[in-house]
């Protein structure tokens, strides 16, 4: 059983402790989501799915207009062609950021960001990059780090308690 990072969003650089409980947490899977079946491979090849493993961030920001303005100049930098040119980022797929309408309360706007991972090393690379080590980072890696840090700052303005993460695995993996 693999234990995945609890979040690449509020990651610290220390490894998460291994669970001693018999029940799995939301980030522990009974099988490898990156051991793709022929069906999963066909879905990926046809671009009918983002990735075998998808992390979904749900969060609130206090100023939807300011966030949307900031986002318009940042998320284009995470397009697939650009990420795939960087060996460390090639397995990371940015699936977009979406506003949830209507929000479930009037306090702040809700958004959802999707991240796809095609292999375990890509997920580990993003986790490491979000730790903020710029020394040897490429421009594309810095753009990814700055995007995550920018989202974090907008979420922090609403309160970090307004962040949640879900992990989705391809149906062909979940069925095994």
Protein backbone atom coordinates (compact mmCIF):
# COMPACT_ATOMS: atom_id res chain seq x y z
CA UNK A 1 0.00 0.00 0.00
CA UNK A 2 1.33 3.42 -0.95
CA UNK A 3 1.00 6.43 1.30
CA UNK A 4 0.70 9.61 -0.78
CA UNK A 5 1.46 13.10 0.52
CA UNK A 6 -1.51 14.47 2.42
CA UNK A 7 -1.45 17.54 0.23
CA UNK A 8 0.85 19.25 -2.19
CA UNK A 9 -0.96 22.44 -1.28
CA UNK A 10 -0.04 22.96 2.35
CA UNK A 11 3.02 20.73 2.14
CA UNK A 12 5.85 20.96 4.54
CA UNK A 13 9.16 19.43 3.56
CA UNK A 14 8.97 16.65 6.15
CA UNK A 15 7.61 13.22 5.30
CA UNK A 16 4.20 12.31 6.66
CA UNK A 17 4.28 9.69 9.42
CA UNK A 18 3.13 6.20 8.43
CA UNK A 19 -0.27 5.22 9.74
CA UNK A 20 -0.45 2.33 12.19
CA UNK A 21 -4.24 2.08 11.93
CA UNK A 22 -5.76 -0.73 9.88
CA UNK A 23 -8.08 1.70 8.05
CA UNK A 24 -6.62 3.65 5.15
CA UNK A 25 -6.73 7.42 5.04
CA UNK A 26 -7.99 9.30 2.00
CA UNK A 27 -4.49 9.42 0.54
CA UNK A 28 -3.64 5.73 0.92
CA UNK A 29 -4.66 3.35 -1.82
CA UNK A 30 -4.83 -0.43 -1.88
CA UNK A 31 -3.25 -0.63 -5.32
CA UNK A 32 -1.06 1.44 -7.59
CA UNK A 33 -3.13 4.00 -9.54
CA UNK A 34 -0.26 4.45 -11.99
CA UNK A 35 -0.22 0.81 -13.11
CA UNK A 36 -2.59 1.63 -15.93
CA UNK A 37 -4.84 -0.96 -17.50
CA UNK A 38 -5.36 -1.12 -21.27
CA UNK A 39 -8.67 0.70 -20.78
CA UNK A 40 -7.01 3.51 -18.79
CA UNK A 41 -4.27 3.78 -21.40
CA UNK A 42 -6.88 4.06 -24.16
CA UNK A 43 -8.74 6.75 -22.21
CA UNK A 44 -5.51 8.71 -21.70
CA UNK A 45 -4.52 8.31 -25.34
CA UNK A 46 -7.94 9.59 -26.45
CA UNK A 47 -7.66 12.47 -23.95
CA UNK A 48 -10.89 11.28 -22.38
CA UNK A 49 -9.44 11.58 -18.87
CA UNK A 50 -7.01 13.96 -17.23
CA UNK A 51 -4.81 11.36 -15.52
CA UNK A 52 -4.99 8.09 -13.55
CA UNK A 53 -4.84 10.07 -10.30
CA UNK A 54 -6.45 13.49 -9.87
CA UNK A 55 -6.18 15.79 -6.87
CA UNK A 56 -9.01 18.25 -6.47
CA UNK A 57 -8.54 21.32 -4.30
CA UNK A 58 -11.70 22.98 -3.01
CA UNK A 59 -11.21 26.36 -1.39
CA UNK A 60 -12.61 29.80 -0.75
CA UNK A 61 -11.14 33.18 -1.53
CA UNK A 62 -12.44 36.47 -0.09
CA UNK A 63 -12.28 38.47 -3.33
CA UNK A 64 -13.42 36.53 -6.40
CA UNK A 65 -12.66 39.37 -8.82
CA UNK A 66 -9.11 39.85 -7.57
CA UNK A 67 -8.51 36.10 -7.65
CA UNK A 68 -9.94 35.74 -11.17
CA UNK A 69 -7.78 38.65 -12.39
CA UNK A 70 -4.67 37.11 -10.86
CA UNK A 71 -5.58 33.68 -12.23
CA UNK A 72 -5.98 34.96 -15.81
CA UNK A 73 -2.30 35.89 -15.94
CA UNK A 74 -1.03 32.74 -14.20
CA UNK A 75 -2.88 29.58 -15.18
CA UNK A 76 -2.07 29.91 -18.88
CA UNK A 77 1.56 29.28 -17.89
CA UNK A 78 0.56 25.77 -16.77
CA UNK A 79 -0.68 24.59 -20.16
CA UNK A 80 0.08 20.97 -21.00
CA UNK A 81 2.57 21.68 -23.80
CA UNK A 82 4.69 23.82 -21.48
CA UNK A 83 4.65 21.40 -18.55
CA UNK A 84 5.36 18.40 -20.77
CA UNK A 85 8.57 20.05 -22.06
CA UNK A 86 10.05 19.93 -18.54
CA UNK A 87 11.13 16.39 -17.52
CA UNK A 88 10.23 17.00 -13.87
CA UNK A 89 6.77 18.36 -14.75
CA UNK A 90 5.82 16.16 -17.70
CA UNK A 91 3.61 13.90 -15.56
CA UNK A 92 1.71 16.84 -14.01
CA UNK A 93 -1.48 17.94 -15.72
CA UNK A 94 -3.17 21.18 -14.69
CA UNK A 95 -6.88 20.58 -15.22
CA UNK A 96 -8.00 24.14 -14.64
CA UNK A 97 -9.52 26.24 -11.89
CA UNK A 98 -13.29 26.66 -11.73
CA UNK A 99 -15.61 28.84 -9.70
CA UNK A 100 -18.42 26.98 -7.96
CA UNK A 101 -21.74 28.69 -8.61
CA UNK A 102 -23.67 29.45 -6.62
CA UNK A 103 -21.50 29.36 -3.51
CA UNK A 104 -23.04 27.60 -0.52
CA UNK A 105 -22.82 30.79 1.53
CA UNK A 106 -22.37 34.47 0.88
CA UNK A 107 -19.10 34.89 2.80
CA UNK A 108 -16.59 34.15 0.07
CA UNK A 109 -16.31 32.70 -3.42
CA UNK A 110 -15.60 29.00 -3.82
CA UNK A 111 -13.16 27.60 -6.37
CA UNK A 112 -11.95 24.17 -7.41
CA UNK A 113 -8.58 23.35 -9.00
CA UNK A 114 -7.80 20.00 -10.65
CA UNK A 115 -4.33 18.43 -10.84
CA UNK A 116 -3.67 15.22 -12.74
CA UNK A 117 -0.69 12.97 -12.17
CA UNK A 118 0.39 10.33 -14.67
CA UNK A 119 3.03 8.78 -12.42
CA UNK A 120 4.17 8.76 -8.82
CA UNK A 121 7.40 10.64 -9.53
CA UNK A 122 5.41 13.57 -10.96
CA UNK A 123 3.37 13.79 -7.77
CA UNK A 124 6.53 13.67 -5.67
CA UNK A 125 8.13 16.34 -7.88
CA UNK A 126 5.18 18.69 -7.36
CA UNK A 127 5.23 18.02 -3.64
CA UNK A 128 8.96 18.86 -3.51
CA UNK A 129 8.61 21.94 -5.73
CA UNK A 130 5.81 23.32 -3.58
CA UNK A 131 8.33 23.35 -0.75
CA UNK A 132 9.76 26.40 -2.50
CA UNK A 133 13.33 25.47 -3.41
CA UNK A 134 14.17 27.80 -6.29
CA UNK A 135 17.93 27.20 -6.53
CA UNK A 136 17.88 24.69 -9.37
CA UNK A 137 14.33 25.24 -10.65
CA UNK A 138 13.57 25.87 -14.31
CA UNK A 139 11.33 28.77 -15.38
CA UNK A 140 8.36 26.41 -15.83
CA UNK A 141 8.97 24.95 -12.35
CA UNK A 142 9.13 28.44 -10.86
CA UNK A 143 5.85 29.31 -12.58
CA UNK A 144 4.23 26.22 -11.03
CA UNK A 145 5.62 27.09 -7.59
CA UNK A 146 4.45 30.70 -7.88
CA UNK A 147 1.00 29.55 -9.00
CA UNK A 148 0.62 27.29 -5.95
CA UNK A 149 1.98 29.97 -3.61
CA UNK A 150 -0.40 32.52 -5.16
CA UNK A 151 -3.40 30.25 -4.61
CA UNK A 152 -2.20 29.67 -1.05
CA UNK A 153 -2.06 33.41 -0.37
CA UNK A 154 -5.60 33.93 -1.66
CA UNK A 155 -6.87 30.99 0.41
CA UNK A 156 -5.01 32.27 3.49
CA UNK A 157 -6.86 35.58 3.16
CA UNK A 158 -10.11 33.62 3.56
CA UNK A 159 -8.62 31.36 6.22
CA UNK A 160 -6.75 28.10 5.66
CA UNK A 161 -9.67 26.20 7.18
CA UNK A 162 -11.45 26.83 3.85
CA UNK A 163 -9.24 24.37 2.00
CA UNK A 164 -10.10 20.72 1.33
CA UNK A 165 -8.58 18.12 -0.96
CA UNK A 166 -10.05 15.07 -2.65
CA UNK A 167 -8.14 12.35 -4.45
CA UNK A 168 -9.78 10.67 -7.42
CA UNK A 169 -8.49 7.55 -9.12
CA UNK A 170 -9.44 6.30 -12.56
CA UNK A 171 -12.43 3.98 -12.48
CA UNK A 172 -10.36 1.15 -13.95
CA UNK A 173 -7.96 1.44 -10.98
CA UNK A 174 -10.72 1.81 -8.40
CA UNK A 175 -12.48 -1.30 -9.76
CA UNK A 176 -9.49 -3.55 -9.12
